[in-house]
């Protein structure tokens, strides 16, 4: 296994960038959720919450092709 060494300063900077990106992503998720809440039916909302909770627990979903992924997204 190969290892890469980087300076501590660069490592700390990359951690700060990662935290910043995650906070921006969280903000965008909240904004989209709030703006689309009125447009989504309750049953669709429950499906999305179920998928979100599974992803938060680390469960994933694999797709063999891009077409199957697009089909999955349309079915949600």
Protein backbone atom coordinates (compact mmCIF):
# COMPACT_ATOMS: atom_id res chain seq x y z
CA UNK A 1 0.00 0.00 0.00
CA UNK A 2 1.35 3.38 -0.96
CA UNK A 3 1.26 6.29 1.43
CA UNK A 4 1.48 9.97 0.65
CA UNK A 5 2.99 12.47 3.03
CA UNK A 6 1.69 16.02 3.13
CA UNK A 7 2.66 18.86 5.44
CA UNK A 8 0.51 19.36 8.54
CA UNK A 9 -0.39 22.88 7.41
CA UNK A 10 -1.74 21.54 4.11
CA UNK A 11 -3.63 18.77 5.92
CA UNK A 12 -5.28 21.23 8.31
CA UNK A 13 -6.18 23.48 5.41
CA UNK A 14 -7.82 20.58 3.57
CA UNK A 15 -9.83 19.75 6.71
CA UNK A 16 -11.04 23.35 6.89
CA UNK A 17 -12.05 23.27 3.24
CA UNK A 18 -13.88 20.00 3.83
CA UNK A 19 -15.78 21.46 6.79
CA UNK A 20 -16.66 24.54 4.75
CA UNK A 21 -17.96 22.44 1.86
CA UNK A 22 -20.02 20.28 4.21
CA UNK A 23 -21.56 23.33 5.88
CA UNK A 24 -22.43 24.84 2.49
CA UNK A 25 -23.93 21.53 1.39
CA UNK A 26 -26.01 21.36 4.56
CA UNK A 27 -27.25 24.91 3.97
CA UNK A 28 -28.18 24.11 0.36
CA UNK A 29 -29.99 20.95 1.43
CA UNK A 30 -32.04 22.92 3.94
CA UNK A 31 -32.87 25.60 1.38
CA UNK A 32 -33.96 23.07 -1.24
CA UNK A 33 -35.93 21.12 1.33
CA UNK A 34 -37.78 24.21 2.54
CA UNK A 35 -38.50 25.54 -0.94
CA UNK A 36 -39.71 22.20 -2.30
CA UNK A 37 -41.67 21.08 0.73
CA UNK A 38 -44.93 22.49 -0.67
CA UNK A 39 -44.39 20.88 -4.07
CA UNK A 40 -43.73 17.32 -2.86
CA UNK A 41 -46.57 15.00 -1.95
CA UNK A 42 -46.54 13.46 1.55
CA UNK A 43 -45.99 9.95 0.20
CA UNK A 44 -42.99 11.10 -1.85
CA UNK A 45 -41.65 12.93 1.20
CA UNK A 46 -41.81 9.71 3.25
CA UNK A 47 -39.93 7.81 0.51
CA UNK A 48 -37.24 10.48 0.40
CA UNK A 49 -36.89 10.50 4.19
CA UNK A 50 -36.58 6.70 4.18
CA UNK A 51 -33.86 6.82 1.53
CA UNK A 52 -32.09 9.63 3.40
CA UNK A 53 -32.10 7.71 6.69
CA UNK A 54 -30.68 4.63 4.97
CA UNK A 55 -27.89 6.72 3.45
CA UNK A 56 -27.16 8.30 6.83
CA UNK A 57 -26.77 4.79 8.29
CA UNK A 58 -24.23 3.94 5.60
CA UNK A 59 -26.43 1.80 3.38
CA UNK A 60 -25.78 2.31 -0.28
CA UNK A 61 -27.27 1.38 -3.59
CA UNK A 62 -25.31 0.17 -6.60
CA UNK A 63 -26.21 0.64 -10.22
CA UNK A 64 -24.80 -1.34 -13.11
CA UNK A 65 -25.52 1.32 -15.72
CA UNK A 66 -26.22 5.00 -15.87
CA UNK A 67 -29.61 4.23 -17.39
CA UNK A 68 -30.60 2.18 -14.33
CA UNK A 69 -29.50 5.06 -12.10
CA UNK A 70 -31.60 7.55 -14.09
CA UNK A 71 -34.56 5.18 -13.95
CA UNK A 72 -34.19 4.92 -10.17
CA UNK A 73 -34.13 8.72 -9.82
CA UNK A 74 -37.25 9.09 -11.95
CA UNK A 75 -39.09 6.50 -9.84
CA UNK A 76 -38.37 8.38 -6.64
